[in-house]
N, C-alpha and C. Protein backbone atom coordinates (compact mmCIF):
# COMPACT_ATOMS: atom_id res chain seq x y z
N UNK A 1 -75.80 204.50 -2.18
CA UNK A 1 -75.12 203.54 -1.31
C UNK A 1 -75.55 203.83 0.13
N UNK A 2 -75.91 202.80 0.83
CA UNK A 2 -76.26 202.99 2.24
C UNK A 2 -75.22 202.28 3.09
N UNK A 3 -75.04 202.78 4.29
CA UNK A 3 -74.04 202.20 5.19
C UNK A 3 -74.59 202.30 6.61
N UNK A 4 -74.92 201.13 7.18
CA UNK A 4 -75.42 201.14 8.54
C UNK A 4 -75.04 199.84 9.23
N UNK A 5 -74.71 199.94 10.49
CA UNK A 5 -74.38 198.78 11.31
C UNK A 5 -73.28 197.91 10.67
N UNK A 6 -72.27 198.54 10.05
CA UNK A 6 -71.17 197.78 9.47
C UNK A 6 -71.52 197.11 8.17
N UNK A 7 -72.64 197.45 7.60
CA UNK A 7 -73.10 196.86 6.35
C UNK A 7 -73.20 197.96 5.30
N UNK A 8 -72.71 197.69 4.10
CA UNK A 8 -72.78 198.66 3.02
C UNK A 8 -73.54 198.04 1.87
N UNK A 9 -74.52 198.77 1.34
CA UNK A 9 -75.35 198.28 0.24
C UNK A 9 -75.21 199.19 -0.97
N UNK A 10 -75.27 198.57 -2.14
CA UNK A 10 -75.22 199.31 -3.39
C UNK A 10 -76.07 198.54 -4.38
N UNK A 11 -76.94 199.24 -5.11
CA UNK A 11 -77.79 198.59 -6.10
C UNK A 11 -77.60 199.25 -7.45
N UNK A 12 -77.49 198.44 -8.49
CA UNK A 12 -77.37 198.94 -9.85
C UNK A 12 -77.89 197.88 -10.81
N UNK A 13 -78.63 198.30 -11.81
CA UNK A 13 -79.09 197.38 -12.85
C UNK A 13 -79.86 196.18 -12.34
N UNK A 14 -80.59 196.33 -11.26
CA UNK A 14 -81.37 195.22 -10.72
C UNK A 14 -80.59 194.26 -9.86
N UNK A 15 -79.30 194.53 -9.63
CA UNK A 15 -78.49 193.68 -8.76
C UNK A 15 -78.18 194.45 -7.49
N UNK A 16 -78.47 193.84 -6.36
CA UNK A 16 -78.16 194.45 -5.06
C UNK A 16 -76.92 193.80 -4.49
N UNK A 17 -75.97 194.62 -4.05
CA UNK A 17 -74.75 194.13 -3.42
C UNK A 17 -74.76 194.55 -1.96
N UNK A 18 -74.46 193.62 -1.08
CA UNK A 18 -74.40 193.89 0.36
C UNK A 18 -73.04 193.44 0.86
N UNK A 19 -72.25 194.38 1.37
CA UNK A 19 -70.94 194.06 1.96
C UNK A 19 -71.09 194.10 3.46
N UNK A 20 -70.61 193.05 4.13
CA UNK A 20 -70.71 192.96 5.58
C UNK A 20 -69.47 192.27 6.15
N UNK A 21 -69.10 192.67 7.34
CA UNK A 21 -68.03 191.99 8.07
C UNK A 21 -68.65 191.39 9.33
N UNK A 22 -68.65 190.06 9.40
CA UNK A 22 -69.22 189.36 10.54
C UNK A 22 -68.71 187.94 10.59
N UNK A 23 -68.81 187.33 11.74
CA UNK A 23 -68.44 185.92 11.94
C UNK A 23 -67.05 185.60 11.40
N UNK A 24 -66.12 186.54 11.57
CA UNK A 24 -64.74 186.29 11.17
C UNK A 24 -64.46 186.39 9.69
N UNK A 25 -65.40 186.94 8.93
CA UNK A 25 -65.16 187.07 7.50
C UNK A 25 -65.71 188.37 6.93
N UNK A 26 -65.15 188.75 5.80
CA UNK A 26 -65.66 189.83 4.98
C UNK A 26 -66.49 189.14 3.91
N UNK A 27 -67.70 189.64 3.67
CA UNK A 27 -68.55 188.95 2.70
C UNK A 27 -69.26 189.96 1.81
N UNK A 28 -69.32 189.63 0.54
CA UNK A 28 -70.03 190.44 -0.43
C UNK A 28 -71.12 189.56 -1.03
N UNK A 29 -72.38 189.89 -0.74
CA UNK A 29 -73.52 189.12 -1.23
C UNK A 29 -74.17 189.89 -2.37
N UNK A 30 -74.44 189.19 -3.46
CA UNK A 30 -75.16 189.76 -4.60
C UNK A 30 -76.51 189.09 -4.68
N UNK A 31 -77.56 189.88 -4.87
CA UNK A 31 -78.92 189.36 -4.97
C UNK A 31 -79.54 189.87 -6.27
N UNK A 32 -80.08 188.93 -7.04
CA UNK A 32 -80.72 189.29 -8.32
C UNK A 32 -81.81 188.28 -8.63
N UNK A 33 -83.03 188.77 -8.79
CA UNK A 33 -84.17 187.95 -9.16
C UNK A 33 -84.30 186.67 -8.33
N UNK A 34 -84.18 186.82 -7.03
CA UNK A 34 -84.36 185.70 -6.11
C UNK A 34 -83.15 184.79 -5.95
N UNK A 35 -82.08 185.05 -6.67
CA UNK A 35 -80.85 184.26 -6.54
C UNK A 35 -79.80 185.06 -5.78
N UNK A 36 -78.96 184.35 -5.05
CA UNK A 36 -77.89 184.99 -4.28
C UNK A 36 -76.56 184.30 -4.57
N UNK A 37 -75.53 185.11 -4.70
CA UNK A 37 -74.16 184.61 -4.82
C UNK A 37 -73.33 185.39 -3.81
N UNK A 38 -72.48 184.71 -3.08
CA UNK A 38 -71.66 185.35 -2.05
C UNK A 38 -70.18 185.11 -2.32
N UNK A 39 -69.40 186.14 -2.04
CA UNK A 39 -67.95 186.05 -2.09
C UNK A 39 -67.46 186.35 -0.69
N UNK A 40 -66.68 185.45 -0.10
CA UNK A 40 -66.24 185.62 1.28
C UNK A 40 -64.73 185.48 1.39
N UNK A 41 -64.17 186.19 2.35
CA UNK A 41 -62.74 186.16 2.64
C UNK A 41 -62.59 186.32 4.15
N UNK A 42 -61.49 185.80 4.71
CA UNK A 42 -61.34 185.96 6.15
C UNK A 42 -61.24 187.44 6.51
N UNK A 43 -61.54 187.77 7.72
CA UNK A 43 -61.64 189.16 8.17
C UNK A 43 -60.32 189.91 8.01
N UNK A 44 -59.20 189.20 8.05
CA UNK A 44 -57.90 189.83 7.89
C UNK A 44 -57.58 190.14 6.44
N UNK A 45 -58.35 189.55 5.52
CA UNK A 45 -58.22 189.86 4.11
C UNK A 45 -57.01 189.29 3.41
N UNK A 46 -56.45 188.18 3.90
CA UNK A 46 -55.28 187.63 3.22
C UNK A 46 -55.46 186.19 2.77
N UNK A 47 -56.67 185.72 2.67
CA UNK A 47 -56.92 184.34 2.24
C UNK A 47 -57.63 184.35 0.89
N UNK A 48 -57.71 183.17 0.30
CA UNK A 48 -58.43 183.03 -0.96
C UNK A 48 -59.90 183.40 -0.78
N UNK A 49 -60.52 183.81 -1.85
CA UNK A 49 -61.93 184.15 -1.85
C UNK A 49 -62.75 182.89 -2.08
N UNK A 50 -63.82 182.74 -1.33
CA UNK A 50 -64.72 181.60 -1.49
C UNK A 50 -66.00 182.10 -2.16
N UNK A 51 -66.42 181.42 -3.21
CA UNK A 51 -67.70 181.73 -3.84
C UNK A 51 -68.70 180.70 -3.34
N UNK A 52 -69.82 181.21 -2.84
CA UNK A 52 -70.87 180.34 -2.30
C UNK A 52 -72.21 180.71 -2.93
N UNK A 53 -73.16 179.82 -2.80
CA UNK A 53 -74.49 180.08 -3.33
C UNK A 53 -75.38 180.74 -2.27
N UNK A 54 -74.82 181.67 -1.52
CA UNK A 54 -75.52 182.42 -0.49
C UNK A 54 -74.64 182.61 0.72
N UNK A 55 -75.03 183.51 1.63
CA UNK A 55 -74.21 183.81 2.81
C UNK A 55 -73.83 182.58 3.63
N UNK A 56 -74.75 181.66 3.78
CA UNK A 56 -74.50 180.44 4.55
C UNK A 56 -74.44 179.22 3.65
N UNK A 57 -74.37 179.45 2.34
CA UNK A 57 -74.45 178.37 1.37
C UNK A 57 -73.17 177.56 1.24
N UNK A 58 -73.26 176.57 0.39
CA UNK A 58 -72.14 175.69 0.13
C UNK A 58 -71.05 176.42 -0.65
N UNK A 59 -69.80 176.15 -0.30
CA UNK A 59 -68.68 176.69 -1.04
C UNK A 59 -68.60 175.99 -2.39
N UNK A 60 -68.57 176.78 -3.46
CA UNK A 60 -68.53 176.21 -4.80
C UNK A 60 -67.13 176.21 -5.39
N UNK A 61 -66.34 177.24 -5.06
CA UNK A 61 -65.00 177.38 -5.64
C UNK A 61 -64.21 178.39 -4.83
N UNK A 62 -62.87 178.33 -4.96
CA UNK A 62 -61.98 179.32 -4.34
C UNK A 62 -61.14 179.98 -5.41
N UNK A 63 -60.88 181.27 -5.20
CA UNK A 63 -60.10 182.04 -6.16
C UNK A 63 -59.11 182.94 -5.43
N UNK A 64 -57.98 183.20 -6.06
CA UNK A 64 -57.03 184.19 -5.54
C UNK A 64 -57.48 185.59 -5.91
N UNK A 65 -57.98 185.75 -7.13
CA UNK A 65 -58.31 187.07 -7.63
C UNK A 65 -59.77 187.43 -7.52
N UNK A 66 -60.03 188.67 -7.18
CA UNK A 66 -61.39 189.18 -7.05
C UNK A 66 -62.11 189.12 -8.40
N UNK A 67 -61.40 189.40 -9.50
CA UNK A 67 -62.04 189.41 -10.80
C UNK A 67 -62.61 188.03 -11.16
N UNK A 68 -61.89 186.97 -10.82
CA UNK A 68 -62.38 185.61 -11.10
C UNK A 68 -63.59 185.27 -10.23
N UNK A 69 -63.55 185.69 -8.97
CA UNK A 69 -64.68 185.46 -8.07
C UNK A 69 -65.91 186.22 -8.55
N UNK A 70 -65.72 187.46 -9.00
CA UNK A 70 -66.84 188.25 -9.54
C UNK A 70 -67.43 187.58 -10.77
N UNK A 71 -66.58 187.04 -11.63
CA UNK A 71 -67.04 186.37 -12.83
C UNK A 71 -67.92 185.18 -12.48
N UNK A 72 -67.51 184.39 -11.49
CA UNK A 72 -68.29 183.23 -11.06
C UNK A 72 -69.62 183.68 -10.44
N UNK A 73 -69.59 184.73 -9.62
CA UNK A 73 -70.82 185.24 -9.02
C UNK A 73 -71.80 185.71 -10.10
N UNK A 74 -71.28 186.41 -11.10
CA UNK A 74 -72.14 186.87 -12.20
C UNK A 74 -72.78 185.69 -12.92
N UNK A 75 -71.99 184.66 -13.14
CA UNK A 75 -72.50 183.45 -13.80
C UNK A 75 -73.63 182.82 -12.98
N UNK A 76 -73.46 182.75 -11.67
CA UNK A 76 -74.49 182.18 -10.80
C UNK A 76 -75.79 182.97 -10.86
N UNK A 77 -75.67 184.29 -11.05
CA UNK A 77 -76.85 185.16 -11.07
C UNK A 77 -77.43 185.32 -12.47
N UNK A 78 -76.69 184.90 -13.49
CA UNK A 78 -77.16 185.05 -14.86
C UNK A 78 -77.06 186.48 -15.37
N UNK A 79 -76.05 187.21 -14.91
CA UNK A 79 -75.83 188.59 -15.36
C UNK A 79 -74.39 188.73 -15.84
N UNK A 80 -74.11 189.84 -16.51
CA UNK A 80 -72.74 190.13 -16.92
C UNK A 80 -71.95 190.63 -15.72
N UNK A 81 -70.66 190.34 -15.70
CA UNK A 81 -69.82 190.76 -14.57
C UNK A 81 -69.85 192.28 -14.42
N UNK A 82 -69.98 193.00 -15.51
CA UNK A 82 -70.05 194.47 -15.44
C UNK A 82 -71.33 194.97 -14.78
N UNK A 83 -72.33 194.09 -14.63
CA UNK A 83 -73.58 194.46 -13.98
C UNK A 83 -73.52 194.36 -12.46
N UNK A 84 -72.42 193.81 -11.93
CA UNK A 84 -72.29 193.65 -10.48
C UNK A 84 -71.77 194.94 -9.85
N UNK A 85 -72.57 195.59 -9.00
CA UNK A 85 -72.07 196.75 -8.29
C UNK A 85 -71.16 196.30 -7.15
N UNK A 86 -70.05 197.00 -6.94
CA UNK A 86 -69.11 196.64 -5.88
C UNK A 86 -68.97 197.82 -4.92
N UNK A 87 -69.50 197.69 -3.69
CA UNK A 87 -69.35 198.76 -2.70
C UNK A 87 -67.87 199.04 -2.40
N UNK A 88 -67.55 200.28 -2.11
CA UNK A 88 -66.17 200.69 -1.87
C UNK A 88 -65.41 199.78 -0.89
N UNK A 89 -65.98 199.38 0.26
CA UNK A 89 -65.20 198.57 1.19
C UNK A 89 -64.79 197.20 0.65
N UNK A 90 -65.45 196.74 -0.41
CA UNK A 90 -65.16 195.42 -0.97
C UNK A 90 -64.14 195.45 -2.11
N UNK A 91 -63.78 196.63 -2.56
CA UNK A 91 -62.92 196.74 -3.74
C UNK A 91 -61.54 196.13 -3.57
N UNK A 92 -61.08 195.96 -2.34
CA UNK A 92 -59.73 195.41 -2.11
C UNK A 92 -59.74 193.92 -1.77
N UNK A 93 -60.86 193.24 -2.00
CA UNK A 93 -60.93 191.81 -1.72
C UNK A 93 -60.04 191.05 -2.70
N UNK A 94 -59.53 189.93 -2.28
CA UNK A 94 -58.66 189.11 -3.12
C UNK A 94 -57.21 189.23 -2.66
N UNK A 95 -56.35 188.45 -3.29
CA UNK A 95 -54.96 188.43 -2.87
C UNK A 95 -54.09 189.21 -3.82
């Protein structure tokens, strides 16, 4: 796991996870084989999670629970949810 400039990265099983806090939100980006799925929440951490098709991508769905957002992200990447590495700072995302 690397941590620099407020960004935390973790890679496992060919999936790279990047957690970052910027532009008023907490965001967890997953990258796998050229595809990206992002889970975003407001910086205060008390809003629904938005699943997008990339950091600046279109919002596809909103979820209360982190587990449901992870499931959707895994589906977008074509991997199992258990294959998604979650950096420590992102573990408390969701309501």
